[in-house]
Amino acid sequence: MIKHFLFVILLIGGIYYYWTTRPVEHGPGVVAPETPVQEVTYNEDKFTYKGFEIKPKANINLEARVLSIKNYYFDQYSELIPTDIVVGWGPMSDERNLNSLMVRQSDRSFYYEMAKPPIEKNAMWQHASNMHLIGSTQKIRDKINTLREGHIIRIEGYLVNATSNKDGWTLKSSMKRDDIGKDSSELVWIKSLTIL
């Protein structure tokens, strides 16, 4: 009897996990057409958050499709940035292109696995970004934890540099759309996060 009960509990738990984490599908077509808007800021003062010094470098406003999500628990940045997401816009928000590749995240960056690029490789990199997310409020941090692949999201906030007052490291946000590799990620202080 107990075994049957545990089986039912595990089954319900598995169904709930699948239902709340499964990718969101949209069908063919571009679902996030606009390029992120980024404007350098000169007047924002640095501030302290959880023992880290945060320096805004640019305003960022974007609407994009979540392509991949990865949580980090044990690296040097995880206390400040537990979650990275890869987002895509324009052709990299179109399921026709995404169905022929896999987006992988590792070591705070991302890469593609594919047999053949669905579009020109440069366009793939220019229309996607790995973002280190810092939620400015508990409500935003909770919302980050509900994100799923395929969600269309709107983010308003800052691209920032962050310095650990305890360990002395500094992590700088990329400020370009065409860079590739480990130092090409955006570090985003999120003032507003909307799942559309």
C-alpha atoms as a PDB file:
ATOM      1  CA  MET A   1       0.000   0.000   0.000  1.00  0.00           C
ATOM      2  CA  ILE A   2       2.785   2.401   0.949  1.00  0.00           C
ATOM      3  CA  LYS A   3       4.649   1.584  -2.283  1.00  0.00           C
ATOM      4  CA  HIS A   4       1.554   2.430  -4.333  1.00  0.00           C
ATOM      5  CA  PHE A   5       1.111   5.674  -2.419  1.00  0.00           C
ATOM      6  CA  LEU A   6       4.747   6.673  -2.982  1.00  0.00           C
ATOM      7  CA  PHE A   7       4.440   5.775  -6.662  1.00  0.00           C
ATOM      8  CA  VAL A   8       1.384   8.029  -7.023  1.00  0.00           C
ATOM      9  CA  ILE A   9       3.175  10.884  -5.207  1.00  0.00           C
ATOM     10  CA  LEU A  10       6.233  10.515  -7.457  1.00  0.00           C
ATOM     11  CA  LEU A  11       4.037  10.354 -10.548  1.00  0.00           C
ATOM     12  CA  ILE A  12       2.144  13.506  -9.580  1.00  0.00           C
ATOM     13  CA  GLY A  13       5.424  15.249  -8.759  1.00  0.00           C
ATOM     14  CA  GLY A  14       6.903  14.240 -12.114  1.00  0.00           C
ATOM     15  CA  ILE A  15       3.840  15.470 -14.017  1.00  0.00           C
ATOM     16  CA  TYR A  16       3.887  18.763 -12.128  1.00  0.00           C
ATOM     17  CA  TYR A  17       7.615  19.247 -12.794  1.00  0.00           C
ATOM     18  CA  TYR A  18       7.181  18.532 -16.498  1.00  0.00           C
ATOM     19  CA  TRP A  19       4.156  20.808 -16.771  1.00  0.00           C
ATOM     20  CA  THR A  20       5.890  23.746 -15.071  1.00  0.00           C
ATOM     21  CA  THR A  21       9.268  23.403 -16.836  1.00  0.00           C
ATOM     22  CA  ARG A  22       8.363  22.224 -20.342  1.00  0.00           C
ATOM     23  CA  PRO A  23       9.429  24.511 -23.215  1.00  0.00           C
ATOM     24  CA  VAL A  24       6.855  26.959 -24.567  1.00  0.00           C
ATOM     25  CA  GLU A  25       6.170  26.486 -28.277  1.00  0.00           C
ATOM     26  CA  HIS A  26       5.040  29.231 -30.649  1.00  0.00           C
ATOM     27  CA  GLY A  27       5.120  27.673 -34.101  1.00  0.00           C
ATOM     28  CA  PRO A  28       6.954  29.107 -37.116  1.00  0.00           C
ATOM     29  CA  GLY A  29       7.691  32.805 -37.367  1.00  0.00           C
ATOM     30  CA  VAL A  30       9.654  35.518 -35.598  1.00  0.00           C
ATOM     31  CA  VAL A  31       8.149  36.165 -32.158  1.00  0.00           C
ATOM     32  CA  ALA A  32      10.614  38.807 -30.904  1.00  0.00           C
ATOM     33  CA  PRO A  33      11.424  41.013 -33.901  1.00  0.00           C
ATOM     34  CA  GLU A  34      13.137  44.020 -32.285  1.00  0.00           C
ATOM     35  CA  THR A  35      16.849  44.420 -31.556  1.00  0.00           C
ATOM     36  CA  PRO A  36      17.594  45.250 -27.888  1.00  0.00           C
ATOM     37  CA  VAL A  37      17.895  48.981 -27.200  1.00  0.00           C
ATOM     38  CA  GLN A  38      21.050  49.941 -25.326  1.00  0.00           C
ATOM     39  CA  GLU A  39      22.158  53.446 -24.307  1.00  0.00           C
ATOM     40  CA  VAL A  40      25.359  54.263 -22.459  1.00  0.00           C
ATOM     41  CA  THR A  41      24.719  55.993 -19.139  1.00  0.00           C
ATOM     42  CA  TYR A  42      27.124  58.512 -17.637  1.00  0.00           C
ATOM     43  CA  ASN A  43      25.224  59.775 -14.603  1.00  0.00           C
ATOM     44  CA  GLU A  44      24.292  56.650 -12.662  1.00  0.00           C
ATOM     45  CA  ASP A  45      26.193  56.265  -9.391  1.00  0.00           C
ATOM     46  CA  LYS A  46      27.552  52.929  -8.281  1.00  0.00           C
ATOM     47  CA  PHE A  47      25.775  51.230  -5.388  1.00  0.00           C
ATOM     48  CA  THR A  48      26.222  48.265  -3.054  1.00  0.00           C
ATOM     49  CA  TYR A  49      24.088  45.143  -3.198  1.00  0.00           C
ATOM     50  CA  LYS A  50      24.658  42.087  -0.953  1.00  0.00           C
ATOM     51  CA  GLY A  51      28.309  42.971  -0.485  1.00  0.00           C
ATOM     52  CA  PHE A  52      28.915  43.646  -4.189  1.00  0.00           C
ATOM     53  CA  GLU A  53      29.650  47.004  -5.792  1.00  0.00           C
ATOM     54  CA  ILE A  54      27.401  47.539  -8.820  1.00  0.00           C
ATOM     55  CA  LYS A  55      28.260  50.128 -11.457  1.00  0.00           C
ATOM     56  CA  PRO A  56      25.647  50.830 -14.192  1.00  0.00           C
ATOM     57  CA  LYS A  57      27.218  51.210 -17.645  1.00  0.00           C
ATOM     58  CA  ALA A  58      24.193  51.361 -19.955  1.00  0.00           C
ATOM     59  CA  ASN A  59      20.418  51.261 -19.965  1.00  0.00           C
ATOM     60  CA  ILE A  60      19.029  48.112 -21.574  1.00  0.00           C
ATOM     61  CA  ASN A  61      15.530  47.467 -22.856  1.00  0.00           C
ATOM     62  CA  LEU A  62      14.812  44.240 -24.680  1.00  0.00           C
ATOM     63  CA  GLU A  63      12.094  41.866 -25.749  1.00  0.00           C
ATOM     64  CA  ALA A  64      13.398  38.409 -26.588  1.00  0.00           C
ATOM     65  CA  ARG A  65      12.748  34.686 -26.547  1.00  0.00           C
ATOM     66  CA  VAL A  66      14.364  32.515 -23.876  1.00  0.00           C
ATOM     67  CA  LEU A  67      16.480  29.883 -25.653  1.00  0.00           C
ATOM     68  CA  SER A  68      18.159  28.256 -22.662  1.00  0.00           C
ATOM     69  CA  ILE A  69      18.401  28.571 -18.874  1.00  0.00           C
ATOM     70  CA  LYS A  70      21.147  27.439 -16.525  1.00  0.00           C
ATOM     71  CA  ASN A  71      21.442  27.773 -12.766  1.00  0.00           C
ATOM     72  CA  TYR A  72      24.857  27.949 -11.122  1.00  0.00           C
ATOM     73  CA  TYR A  73      25.356  26.946  -7.496  1.00  0.00           C
ATOM     74  CA  PHE A  74      29.063  26.664  -6.723  1.00  0.00           C
ATOM     75  CA  ASP A  75      31.105  29.018  -8.897  1.00  0.00           C
ATOM     76  CA  GLN A  76      32.531  32.321  -7.655  1.00  0.00           C
ATOM     77  CA  TYR A  77      29.651  34.341  -9.126  1.00  0.00           C
ATOM     78  CA  SER A  78      26.709  32.234  -7.939  1.00  0.00           C
ATOM     79  CA  GLU A  79      26.000  34.264  -4.806  1.00  0.00           C
ATOM     80  CA  LEU A  80      25.325  37.331  -6.946  1.00  0.00           C
ATOM     81  CA  ILE A  81      24.222  35.650 -10.174  1.00  0.00           C
ATOM     82  CA  PRO A  82      22.595  32.231  -9.680  1.00  0.00           C
ATOM     83  CA  THR A  83      20.949  32.185 -13.125  1.00  0.00           C
ATOM     84  CA  ASP A  84      22.098  32.748 -16.697  1.00  0.00           C
ATOM     85  CA  ILE A  85      19.757  32.746 -19.674  1.00  0.00           C
ATOM     86  CA  VAL A  86      20.362  32.761 -23.402  1.00  0.00           C
ATOM     87  CA  VAL A  87      17.906  34.941 -25.296  1.00  0.00           C
ATOM     88  CA  GLY A  88      17.286  35.355 -29.006  1.00  0.00           C
ATOM     89  CA  TRP A  89      15.513  37.930 -31.152  1.00  0.00           C
ATOM     90  CA  GLY A  90      14.847  38.383 -34.856  1.00  0.00           C
ATOM     91  CA  PRO A  91      15.713  35.156 -36.729  1.00  0.00           C
ATOM     92  CA  MET A  92      16.877  33.540 -33.478  1.00  0.00           C
ATOM     93  CA  SER A  93      13.336  33.786 -32.094  1.00  0.00           C
ATOM     94  CA  ASP A  94      11.915  31.823 -35.039  1.00  0.00           C
ATOM     95  CA  GLU A  95      11.122  28.193 -34.246  1.00  0.00           C
ATOM     96  CA  ARG A  96      11.955  27.198 -37.828  1.00  0.00           C
ATOM     97  CA  ASN A  97      15.587  28.096 -37.119  1.00  0.00           C
ATOM     98  CA  LEU A  98      15.657  26.869 -33.532  1.00  0.00           C
ATOM     99  CA  ASN A  99      14.335  23.394 -34.354  1.00  0.00           C
ATOM    100  CA  SER A 100      17.557  22.482 -36.167  1.00  0.00           C
ATOM    101  CA  LEU A 101      19.972  23.314 -33.348  1.00  0.00           C
ATOM    102  CA  MET A 102      20.603  22.972 -29.617  1.00  0.00           C
ATOM    103  CA  VAL A 103      21.625  25.883 -27.407  1.00  0.00           C
ATOM    104  CA  ARG A 104      24.057  24.770 -24.686  1.00  0.00           C
ATOM    105  CA  GLN A 105      25.379  26.678 -21.684  1.00  0.00           C
ATOM    106  CA  SER A 106      28.609  25.978 -19.846  1.00  0.00           C
ATOM    107  CA  ASP A 107      31.121  27.934 -17.776  1.00  0.00           C
ATOM    108  CA  ARG A 108      29.037  31.135 -17.949  1.00  0.00           C
ATOM    109  CA  SER A 109      28.859  31.222 -21.751  1.00  0.00           C
ATOM    110  CA  PHE A 110      26.896  29.456 -24.498  1.00  0.00           C
ATOM    111  CA  TYR A 111      27.403  27.647 -27.774  1.00  0.00           C
ATOM    112  CA  TYR A 112      25.386  25.966 -30.508  1.00  0.00           C
ATOM    113  CA  GLU A 113      25.204  22.296 -31.425  1.00  0.00           C
ATOM    114  CA  MET A 114      23.958  21.692 -34.975  1.00  0.00           C
ATOM    115  CA  ALA A 115      24.612  19.678 -38.089  1.00  0.00           C
ATOM    116  CA  LYS A 116      24.114  22.666 -40.375  1.00  0.00           C
ATOM    117  CA  PRO A 117      23.514  26.336 -39.488  1.00  0.00           C
ATOM    118  CA  PRO A 118      19.888  27.319 -40.215  1.00  0.00           C
ATOM    119  CA  ILE A 119      21.060  30.862 -41.052  1.00  0.00           C
ATOM    120  CA  GLU A 120      24.450  32.531 -41.483  1.00  0.00           C
ATOM    121  CA  LYS A 121      26.601  31.939 -38.390  1.00  0.00           C
ATOM    122  CA  ASN A 122      27.343  35.631 -37.845  1.00  0.00           C
ATOM    123  CA  ALA A 123      23.597  36.324 -37.760  1.00  0.00           C
ATOM    124  CA  MET A 124      23.130  33.566 -35.181  1.00  0.00           C
ATOM    125  CA  TRP A 125      25.621  35.220 -32.818  1.00  0.00           C
ATOM    126  CA  GLN A 126      24.405  38.758 -33.490  1.00  0.00           C
ATOM    127  CA  HIS A 127      20.797  37.849 -32.647  1.00  0.00           C
ATOM    128  CA  ALA A 128      21.422  36.000 -29.391  1.00  0.00           C
ATOM    129  CA  SER A 129      23.061  36.720 -26.072  1.00  0.00           C
ATOM    130  CA  ASN A 130      24.019  35.018 -22.827  1.00  0.00           C
ATOM    131  CA  MET A 131      22.839  37.132 -19.898  1.00  0.00           C
ATOM    132  CA  HIS A 132      23.872  36.942 -16.242  1.00  0.00           C
ATOM    133  CA  LEU A 133      20.754  38.030 -14.335  1.00  0.00           C
ATOM    134  CA  ILE A 134      20.653  40.067 -11.139  1.00  0.00           C
ATOM    135  CA  GLY A 135      17.111  40.646  -9.914  1.00  0.00           C
ATOM    136  CA  SER A 136      16.773  43.990  -8.123  1.00  0.00           C
ATOM    137  CA  THR A 137      13.876  42.758  -5.940  1.00  0.00           C
ATOM    138  CA  GLN A 138      12.757  39.471  -4.425  1.00  0.00           C
ATOM    139  CA  LYS A 139       9.701  39.509  -6.686  1.00  0.00           C
ATOM    140  CA  ILE A 140      11.921  39.696  -9.769  1.00  0.00           C
ATOM    141  CA  ARG A 141      14.243  36.994  -8.418  1.00  0.00           C
ATOM    142  CA  ASP A 142      11.219  34.740  -7.878  1.00  0.00           C
ATOM    143  CA  LYS A 143      10.037  35.434 -11.428  1.00  0.00           C
ATOM    144  CA  ILE A 144      13.464  34.509 -12.815  1.00  0.00           C
ATOM    145  CA  ASN A 145      12.996  31.107 -11.167  1.00  0.00           C
ATOM    146  CA  THR A 146       9.769  30.557 -13.151  1.00  0.00           C
ATOM    147  CA  LEU A 147      11.287  31.219 -16.580  1.00  0.00           C
ATOM    148  CA  ARG A 148      11.018  28.464 -19.191  1.00  0.00           C
ATOM    149  CA  GLU A 149      12.567  27.947 -22.583  1.00  0.00           C
ATOM    150  CA  GLY A 150      10.343  29.582 -25.166  1.00  0.00           C
ATOM    151  CA  HIS A 151       9.031  32.328 -22.905  1.00  0.00           C
ATOM    152  CA  ILE A 152       8.921  35.753 -24.506  1.00  0.00           C
ATOM    153  CA  ILE A 153      10.225  38.227 -21.947  1.00  0.00           C
ATOM    154  CA  ARG A 154      10.668  41.960 -21.621  1.00  0.00           C
ATOM    155  CA  ILE A 155      13.575  43.239 -19.517  1.00  0.00           C
ATOM    156  CA  GLU A 156      14.280  46.808 -18.457  1.00  0.00           C
ATOM    157  CA  GLY A 157      17.379  47.590 -16.456  1.00  0.00           C
ATOM    158  CA  TYR A 158      21.096  48.272 -16.632  1.00  0.00           C
ATOM    159  CA  LEU A 159      24.143  46.594 -18.075  1.00  0.00           C
ATOM    160  CA  VAL A 160      26.523  46.692 -15.118  1.00  0.00           C
ATOM    161  CA  ASN A 161      29.971  45.842 -13.866  1.00  0.00           C
ATOM    162  CA  ALA A 162      30.109  44.091 -10.488  1.00  0.00           C
ATOM    163  CA  THR A 163      32.934  43.823  -7.948  1.00  0.00           C
ATOM    164  CA  SER A 164      32.984  41.502  -4.957  1.00  0.00           C
ATOM    165  CA  ASN A 165      34.005  43.439  -1.858  1.00  0.00           C
ATOM    166  CA  LYS A 166      34.808  40.147  -0.129  1.00  0.00           C
ATOM    167  CA  ASP A 167      36.752  38.244  -2.821  1.00  0.00           C
ATOM    168  CA  GLY A 168      38.015  41.125  -4.957  1.00  0.00           C
ATOM    169  CA  TRP A 169      36.927  39.849  -8.382  1.00  0.00           C
ATOM    170  CA  THR A 170      35.291  42.093 -10.978  1.00  0.00           C
ATOM    171  CA  LEU A 171      32.861  40.905 -13.648  1.00  0.00           C
ATOM    172  CA  LYS A 172      32.285  43.282 -16.554  1.00  0.00           C
ATOM    173  CA  SER A 173      29.279  43.298 -18.848  1.00  0.00           C
ATOM    174  CA  SER A 174      29.775  43.091 -22.577  1.00  0.00           C
ATOM    175  CA  MET A 175      28.693  46.298 -24.277  1.00  0.00           C
ATOM    176  CA  LYS A 176      28.693  44.957 -27.847  1.00  0.00           C
ATOM    177  CA  ARG A 177      26.277  42.913 -29.953  1.00  0.00           C
ATOM    178  CA  ASP A 178      28.861  41.163 -32.133  1.00  0.00           C
ATOM    179  CA  ASP A 179      31.325  39.653 -29.656  1.00  0.00           C
ATOM    180  CA  ILE A 180      31.652  35.895 -29.110  1.00  0.00           C
ATOM    181  CA  GLY A 181      33.056  33.798 -26.279  1.00  0.00           C
ATOM    182  CA  LYS A 182      33.381  33.851 -22.526  1.00  0.00           C
ATOM    183  CA  ASP A 183      33.648  37.635 -22.142  1.00  0.00           C
ATOM    184  CA  SER A 184      30.718  38.352 -24.466  1.00  0.00           C
ATOM    185  CA  SER A 185      27.940  37.955 -21.885  1.00  0.00           C
ATOM    186  CA  GLU A 186      25.814  40.797 -20.576  1.00  0.00           C
ATOM    187  CA  LEU A 187      25.574  41.338 -16.832  1.00  0.00           C
ATOM    188  CA  VAL A 188      22.060  42.681 -16.322  1.00  0.00           C
ATOM    189  CA  TRP A 189      20.618  44.465 -13.295  1.00  0.00           C
ATOM    190  CA  ILE A 190      16.894  43.888 -13.827  1.00  0.00           C
ATOM    191  CA  LYS A 191      14.519  46.645 -12.759  1.00  0.00           C
ATOM    192  CA  SER A 192      11.527  45.128 -14.536  1.00  0.00           C
ATOM    193  CA  LEU A 193      10.879  41.618 -15.867  1.00  0.00           C
ATOM    194  CA  THR A 194       7.686  40.724 -17.722  1.00  0.00           C
ATOM    195  CA  ILE A 195       6.738  37.352 -19.174  1.00  0.00           C
ATOM    196  CA  LEU A 196       4.588  38.152 -22.206  1.00  0.00           C
END
